[in-house]
Amino acid sequence: MNEIILYSTHCPKCKTVELLLAKKNLEFFMVDDTEKVVKVGQEHGILGAPILQVGDEFFDFSKAVQYLNRR
């Protein structure tokens, strides 16, 4: 299974993704250093938090929710 990383600023959308991960019993790491969140977002064309990384794939909020709902 691919490593899952949630880049979070603890905003409401971030908490939604965090709750979905927990509901699906998916183990994940959280990165909440704002500078790192911004850097990863810039590198992958994602303009806001949260950012969900699954292996080599990066998802913005709406794509993260879609991805998690399909799992």
PDB file of N, CA and C in Angstrom:
ATOM      1  N   MET A   1       0.841  -1.200   0.000  1.00  0.00           N
ATOM      2  CA  MET A   1       0.000   0.000   0.000  1.00  0.00           C
ATOM      3  C   MET A   1       0.875   1.249   0.000  1.00  0.00           C
ATOM      4  N   ASN A   2       0.411   2.251  -0.689  1.00  0.00           N
ATOM      5  CA  ASN A   2       1.151   3.506  -0.776  1.00  0.00           C
ATOM      6  C   ASN A   2       1.072   4.299   0.520  1.00  0.00           C
ATOM      7  N   GLU A   3       2.160   4.997   0.812  1.00  0.00           N
ATOM      8  CA  GLU A   3       2.192   5.878   1.974  1.00  0.00           C
ATOM      9  C   GLU A   3       1.232   7.045   1.732  1.00  0.00           C
ATOM     10  N   ILE A   4       0.509   7.434   2.776  1.00  0.00           N
ATOM     11  CA  ILE A   4      -0.443   8.543   2.690  1.00  0.00           C
ATOM     12  C   ILE A   4       0.054   9.666   3.587  1.00  0.00           C
ATOM     13  N   ILE A   5       0.113  10.869   3.003  1.00  0.00           N
ATOM     14  CA  ILE A   5       0.515  12.057   3.759  1.00  0.00           C
ATOM     15  C   ILE A   5      -0.565  13.113   3.587  1.00  0.00           C
ATOM     16  N   LEU A   6      -1.010  13.686   4.684  1.00  0.00           N
ATOM     17  CA  LEU A   6      -1.962  14.790   4.657  1.00  0.00           C
ATOM     18  C   LEU A   6      -1.213  16.060   5.026  1.00  0.00           C
ATOM     19  N   TYR A   7      -1.160  16.996   4.078  1.00  0.00           N
ATOM     20  CA  TYR A   7      -0.578  18.318   4.332  1.00  0.00           C
ATOM     21  C   TYR A   7      -1.732  19.199   4.785  1.00  0.00           C
ATOM     22  N   SER A   8      -1.659  19.668   6.020  1.00  0.00           N
ATOM     23  CA  SER A   8      -2.812  20.289   6.671  1.00  0.00           C
ATOM     24  C   SER A   8      -2.456  21.611   7.330  1.00  0.00           C
ATOM     25  N   THR A   9      -3.436  22.520   7.333  1.00  0.00           N
ATOM     26  CA  THR A   9      -3.329  23.743   8.130  1.00  0.00           C
ATOM     27  C   THR A   9      -4.359  23.725   9.255  1.00  0.00           C
ATOM     28  N   HIS A  10      -5.007  22.582   9.447  1.00  0.00           N
ATOM     29  CA  HIS A  10      -6.044  22.381  10.469  1.00  0.00           C
ATOM     30  C   HIS A  10      -7.287  23.218  10.207  1.00  0.00           C
ATOM     31  N   CYS A  11      -7.504  23.571   8.938  1.00  0.00           N
ATOM     32  CA  CYS A  11      -8.714  24.297   8.548  1.00  0.00           C
ATOM     33  C   CYS A  11      -9.890  23.311   8.492  1.00  0.00           C
ATOM     34  N   PRO A  12     -11.123  23.801   8.335  1.00  0.00           N
ATOM     35  CA  PRO A  12     -12.271  22.884   8.265  1.00  0.00           C
ATOM     36  C   PRO A  12     -12.144  21.839   7.144  1.00  0.00           C
ATOM     37  N   LYS A  13     -11.653  22.222   5.988  1.00  0.00           N
ATOM     38  CA  LYS A  13     -11.490  21.258   4.897  1.00  0.00           C
ATOM     39  C   LYS A  13     -10.437  20.210   5.269  1.00  0.00           C
ATOM     40  N   CYS A  14      -9.377  20.652   5.921  1.00  0.00           N
ATOM     41  CA  CYS A  14      -8.332  19.714   6.364  1.00  0.00           C
ATOM     42  C   CYS A  14      -8.921  18.700   7.338  1.00  0.00           C
ATOM     43  N   LYS A  15      -9.742  19.185   8.260  1.00  0.00           N
ATOM     44  CA  LYS A  15     -10.352  18.297   9.253  1.00  0.00           C
ATOM     45  C   LYS A  15     -11.305  17.305   8.584  1.00  0.00           C
ATOM     46  N   THR A  16     -11.993  17.733   7.523  1.00  0.00           N
ATOM     47  CA  THR A  16     -12.873  16.834   6.780  1.00  0.00           C
ATOM     48  C   THR A  16     -12.084  15.674   6.194  1.00  0.00           C
ATOM     49  N   VAL A  17     -10.954  15.980   5.563  1.00  0.00           N
ATOM     50  CA  VAL A  17     -10.126  14.920   4.978  1.00  0.00           C
ATOM     51  C   VAL A  17      -9.553  14.029   6.074  1.00  0.00           C
ATOM     52  N   GLU A  18      -9.137  14.627   7.169  1.00  0.00           N
ATOM     53  CA  GLU A  18      -8.601  13.852   8.290  1.00  0.00           C
ATOM     54  C   GLU A  18      -9.652  12.874   8.828  1.00  0.00           C
ATOM     55  N   LEU A  19     -10.894  13.339   8.959  1.00  0.00           N
ATOM     56  CA  LEU A  19     -11.970  12.472   9.442  1.00  0.00           C
ATOM     57  C   LEU A  19     -12.275  11.348   8.458  1.00  0.00           C
ATOM     58  N   LEU A  20     -12.230  11.655   7.156  1.00  0.00           N
ATOM     59  CA  LEU A  20     -12.450  10.613   6.149  1.00  0.00           C
ATOM     60  C   LEU A  20     -11.366   9.543   6.211  1.00  0.00           C
ATOM     61  N   LEU A  21     -10.128   9.965   6.382  1.00  0.00           N
ATOM     62  CA  LEU A  21      -9.029   9.006   6.508  1.00  0.00           C
ATOM     63  C   LEU A  21      -9.252   8.106   7.722  1.00  0.00           C
ATOM     64  N   ALA A  22      -9.666   8.696   8.831  1.00  0.00           N
ATOM     65  CA  ALA A  22      -9.902   7.921  10.048  1.00  0.00           C
ATOM     66  C   ALA A  22     -11.076   6.965   9.855  1.00  0.00           C
ATOM     67  N   LYS A  23     -12.144   7.456   9.216  1.00  0.00           N
ATOM     68  CA  LYS A  23     -13.329   6.637   8.970  1.00  0.00           C
ATOM     69  C   LYS A  23     -12.987   5.409   8.127  1.00  0.00           C
ATOM     70  N   LYS A  24     -12.064   5.587   7.190  1.00  0.00           N
ATOM     71  CA  LYS A  24     -11.647   4.487   6.310  1.00  0.00           C
ATOM     72  C   LYS A  24     -10.543   3.637   6.951  1.00  0.00           C
ATOM     73  N   ASN A  25     -10.169   3.979   8.178  1.00  0.00           N
ATOM     74  CA  ASN A  25      -9.095   3.270   8.892  1.00  0.00           C
ATOM     75  C   ASN A  25      -7.786   3.252   8.109  1.00  0.00           C
ATOM     76  N   LEU A  26      -7.481   4.377   7.481  1.00  0.00           N
ATOM     77  CA  LEU A  26      -6.245   4.500   6.711  1.00  0.00           C
ATOM     78  C   LEU A  26      -5.175   5.170   7.563  1.00  0.00           C
ATOM     79  N   GLU A  27      -4.028   4.537   7.633  1.00  0.00           N
ATOM     80  CA  GLU A  27      -2.909   5.098   8.381  1.00  0.00           C
ATOM     81  C   GLU A  27      -2.273   6.201   7.532  1.00  0.00           C
ATOM     82  N   PHE A  28      -1.975   7.336   8.152  1.00  0.00           N
ATOM     83  CA  PHE A  28      -1.389   8.451   7.413  1.00  0.00           C
ATOM     84  C   PHE A  28      -0.487   9.265   8.320  1.00  0.00           C
ATOM     85  N   PHE A  29       0.382  10.003   7.670  1.00  0.00           N
ATOM     86  CA  PHE A  29       1.232  10.971   8.359  1.00  0.00           C
ATOM     87  C   PHE A  29       0.656  12.348   8.110  1.00  0.00           C
ATOM     88  N   MET A  30       0.759  13.231   9.093  1.00  0.00           N
ATOM     89  CA  MET A  30       0.302  14.601   8.904  1.00  0.00           C
ATOM     90  C   MET A  30       1.494  15.545   8.916  1.00  0.00           C
ATOM     91  N   VAL A  31       1.516  16.435   7.936  1.00  0.00           N
ATOM     92  CA  VAL A  31       2.506  17.508   7.882  1.00  0.00           C
ATOM     93  C   VAL A  31       1.721  18.800   8.053  1.00  0.00           C
ATOM     94  N   ASP A  32       2.003  19.522   9.143  1.00  0.00           N
ATOM     95  CA  ASP A  32       1.263  20.757   9.389  1.00  0.00           C
ATOM     96  C   ASP A  32       2.175  21.976   9.514  1.00  0.00           C
ATOM     97  N   ASP A  33       3.359  21.843   8.988  1.00  0.00           N
ATOM     98  CA  ASP A  33       4.275  22.987   8.886  1.00  0.00           C
ATOM     99  C   ASP A  33       3.816  23.807   7.679  1.00  0.00           C
ATOM    100  N   THR A  34       3.302  25.006   7.937  1.00  0.00           N
ATOM    101  CA  THR A  34       2.695  25.820   6.884  1.00  0.00           C
ATOM    102  C   THR A  34       3.636  26.043   5.709  1.00  0.00           C
ATOM    103  N   GLU A  35       4.902  26.272   5.978  1.00  0.00           N
ATOM    104  CA  GLU A  35       5.856  26.491   4.880  1.00  0.00           C
ATOM    105  C   GLU A  35       5.961  25.260   3.987  1.00  0.00           C
ATOM    106  N   LYS A  36       5.978  24.078   4.574  1.00  0.00           N
ATOM    107  CA  LYS A  36       6.035  22.842   3.784  1.00  0.00           C
ATOM    108  C   LYS A  36       4.750  22.646   2.995  1.00  0.00           C
ATOM    109  N   VAL A  37       3.601  22.947   3.613  1.00  0.00           N
ATOM    110  CA  VAL A  37       2.312  22.813   2.925  1.00  0.00           C
ATOM    111  C   VAL A  37       2.291  23.710   1.688  1.00  0.00           C
ATOM    112  N   VAL A  38       2.719  24.959   1.855  1.00  0.00           N
ATOM    113  CA  VAL A  38       2.752  25.913   0.737  1.00  0.00           C
ATOM    114  C   VAL A  38       3.718  25.426  -0.341  1.00  0.00           C
ATOM    115  N   LYS A  39       4.886  24.964   0.056  1.00  0.00           N
ATOM    116  CA  LYS A  39       5.900  24.505  -0.902  1.00  0.00           C
ATOM    117  C   LYS A  39       5.384  23.330  -1.732  1.00  0.00           C
ATOM    118  N   VAL A  40       4.796  22.344  -1.067  1.00  0.00           N
ATOM    119  CA  VAL A  40       4.260  21.186  -1.787  1.00  0.00           C
ATOM    120  C   VAL A  40       3.134  21.625  -2.725  1.00  0.00           C
ATOM    121  N   GLY A  41       2.290  22.524  -2.254  1.00  0.00           N
ATOM    122  CA  GLY A  41       1.216  23.050  -3.099  1.00  0.00           C
ATOM    123  C   GLY A  41       1.751  23.724  -4.346  1.00  0.00           C
ATOM    124  N   GLN A  42       2.760  24.556  -4.178  1.00  0.00           N
ATOM    125  CA  GLN A  42       3.356  25.255  -5.327  1.00  0.00           C
ATOM    126  C   GLN A  42       3.985  24.263  -6.297  1.00  0.00           C
ATOM    127  N   GLU A  43       4.651  23.249  -5.773  1.00  0.00           N
ATOM    128  CA  GLU A  43       5.314  22.255  -6.624  1.00  0.00           C
ATOM    129  C   GLU A  43       4.325  21.435  -7.444  1.00  0.00           C
ATOM    130  N   HIS A  44       3.086  21.315  -6.946  1.00  0.00           N
ATOM    131  CA  HIS A  44       2.111  20.443  -7.608  1.00  0.00           C
ATOM    132  C   HIS A  44       0.881  21.196  -8.111  1.00  0.00           C
ATOM    133  N   GLY A  45       0.947  22.524  -8.136  1.00  0.00           N
ATOM    134  CA  GLY A  45      -0.138  23.327  -8.691  1.00  0.00           C
ATOM    135  C   GLY A  45      -1.419  23.281  -7.875  1.00  0.00           C
ATOM    136  N   ILE A  46      -1.295  23.097  -6.575  1.00  0.00           N
ATOM    137  CA  ILE A  46      -2.458  23.074  -5.688  1.00  0.00           C
ATOM    138  C   ILE A  46      -2.411  24.340  -4.839  1.00  0.00           C
ATOM    139  N   LEU A  47      -3.478  25.123  -4.926  1.00  0.00           N
ATOM    140  CA  LEU A  47      -3.444  26.470  -4.367  1.00  0.00           C
ATOM    141  C   LEU A  47      -3.868  26.588  -2.908  1.00  0.00           C
ATOM    142  N   GLY A  48      -4.380  25.519  -2.318  1.00  0.00           N
ATOM    143  CA  GLY A  48      -4.810  25.626  -0.929  1.00  0.00           C
ATOM    144  C   GLY A  48      -4.753  24.298  -0.215  1.00  0.00           C
ATOM    145  N   ALA A  49      -4.840  24.366   1.091  1.00  0.00           N
ATOM    146  CA  ALA A  49      -4.852  23.157   1.917  1.00  0.00           C
ATOM    147  C   ALA A  49      -6.291  22.639   1.981  1.00  0.00           C
ATOM    148  N   PRO A  50      -6.450  21.371   2.203  1.00  0.00           N
ATOM    149  CA  PRO A  50      -5.445  20.336   2.403  1.00  0.00           C
ATOM    150  C   PRO A  50      -4.905  19.800   1.082  1.00  0.00           C
ATOM    151  N   ILE A  51      -3.777  19.133   1.190  1.00  0.00           N
ATOM    152  CA  ILE A  51      -3.205  18.393   0.072  1.00  0.00           C
ATOM    153  C   ILE A  51      -3.034  16.963   0.560  1.00  0.00           C
ATOM    154  N   LEU A  52      -3.558  16.028  -0.206  1.00  0.00           N
ATOM    155  CA  LEU A  52      -3.424  14.620   0.148  1.00  0.00           C
ATOM    156  C   LEU A  52      -2.456  13.974  -0.832  1.00  0.00           C
ATOM    157  N   GLN A  53      -1.423  13.362  -0.290  1.00  0.00           N
ATOM    158  CA  GLN A  53      -0.454  12.629  -1.111  1.00  0.00           C
ATOM    159  C   GLN A  53      -0.650  11.143  -0.867  1.00  0.00           C
ATOM    160  N   VAL A  54      -0.863  10.414  -1.951  1.00  0.00           N
ATOM    161  CA  VAL A  54      -0.958   8.954  -1.879  1.00  0.00           C
ATOM    162  C   VAL A  54       0.090   8.422  -2.845  1.00  0.00           C
ATOM    163  N   GLY A  55       1.170   7.905  -2.296  1.00  0.00           N
ATOM    164  CA  GLY A  55       2.282   7.478  -3.152  1.00  0.00           C
ATOM    165  C   GLY A  55       2.825   8.684  -3.899  1.00  0.00           C
ATOM    166  N   ASP A  56       2.787   8.608  -5.237  1.00  0.00           N
ATOM    167  CA  ASP A  56       3.287   9.698  -6.080  1.00  0.00           C
ATOM    168  C   ASP A  56       2.190  10.643  -6.552  1.00  0.00           C
ATOM    169  N   GLU A  57       0.949  10.434  -6.103  1.00  0.00           N
ATOM    170  CA  GLU A  57      -0.175  11.263  -6.542  1.00  0.00           C
ATOM    171  C   GLU A  57      -0.495  12.316  -5.478  1.00  0.00           C
ATOM    172  N   PHE A  58      -0.871  13.502  -5.960  1.00  0.00           N
ATOM    173  CA  PHE A  58      -1.235  14.610  -5.080  1.00  0.00           C
ATOM    174  C   PHE A  58      -2.641  15.062  -5.422  1.00  0.00           C
ATOM    175  N   PHE A  59      -3.474  15.260  -4.392  1.00  0.00           N
ATOM    176  CA  PHE A  59      -4.872  15.625  -4.582  1.00  0.00           C
ATOM    177  C   PHE A  59      -5.193  16.905  -3.828  1.00  0.00           C
ATOM    178  N   ASP A  60      -5.964  17.800  -4.479  1.00  0.00           N
ATOM    179  CA  ASP A  60      -6.512  18.947  -3.759  1.00  0.00           C
ATOM    180  C   ASP A  60      -7.719  18.449  -2.953  1.00  0.00           C
ATOM    181  N   PHE A  61      -8.406  19.349  -2.279  1.00  0.00           N
ATOM    182  CA  PHE A  61      -9.496  18.947  -1.397  1.00  0.00           C
ATOM    183  C   PHE A  61     -10.558  18.126  -2.107  1.00  0.00           C
ATOM    184  N   SER A  62     -11.109  18.657  -3.212  1.00  0.00           N
ATOM    185  CA  SER A  62     -12.226  17.954  -3.856  1.00  0.00           C
ATOM    186  C   SER A  62     -11.796  16.599  -4.414  1.00  0.00           C
ATOM    187  N   LYS A  63     -10.607  16.532  -4.986  1.00  0.00           N
ATOM    188  CA  LYS A  63     -10.124  15.250  -5.524  1.00  0.00           C
ATOM    189  C   LYS A  63      -9.786  14.275  -4.395  1.00  0.00           C
ATOM    190  N   ALA A  64      -9.317  14.801  -3.264  1.00  0.00           N
ATOM    191  CA  ALA A  64      -9.027  13.945  -2.108  1.00  0.00           C
ATOM    192  C   ALA A  64     -10.311  13.309  -1.585  1.00  0.00           C
ATOM    193  N   VAL A  65     -11.373  14.099  -1.488  1.00  0.00           N
ATOM    194  CA  VAL A  65     -12.655  13.580  -1.005  1.00  0.00           C
ATOM    195  C   VAL A  65     -13.178  12.520  -1.972  1.00  0.00           C
ATOM    196  N   GLN A  66     -13.102  12.801  -3.262  1.00  0.00           N
ATOM    197  CA  GLN A  66     -13.546  11.815  -4.265  1.00  0.00           C
ATOM    198  C   GLN A  66     -12.741  10.528  -4.137  1.00  0.00           C
ATOM    199  N   TYR A  67     -11.437  10.652  -4.044  1.00  0.00           N
ATOM    200  CA  TYR A  67     -10.553   9.490  -3.929  1.00  0.00           C
ATOM    201  C   TYR A  67     -10.908   8.656  -2.693  1.00  0.00           C
ATOM    202  N   LEU A  68     -11.054   9.322  -1.555  1.00  0.00           N
ATOM    203  CA  LEU A  68     -11.341   8.606  -0.310  1.00  0.00           C
ATOM    204  C   LEU A  68     -12.722   7.973  -0.318  1.00  0.00           C
ATOM    205  N   ASN A  69     -13.691   8.619  -0.933  1.00  0.00           N
ATOM    206  CA  ASN A  69     -15.041   8.055  -0.999  1.00  0.00           C
ATOM    207  C   ASN A  69     -15.085   6.806  -1.885  1.00  0.00           C
ATOM    208  N   ARG A  70     -14.163   6.690  -2.832  1.00  0.00           N
ATOM    209  CA  ARG A  70     -14.106   5.510  -3.704  1.00  0.00           C
ATOM    210  C   ARG A  70     -13.390   4.340  -3.035  1.00  0.00           C
ATOM    211  N   ARG A  71     -12.621   4.579  -2.001  1.00  0.00           N
ATOM    212  CA  ARG A  71     -11.852   3.505  -1.338  1.00  0.00           C
ATOM    213  C   ARG A  71     -12.709   2.653  -0.452  1.00  0.00           C
TER     214      ARG A  71
END
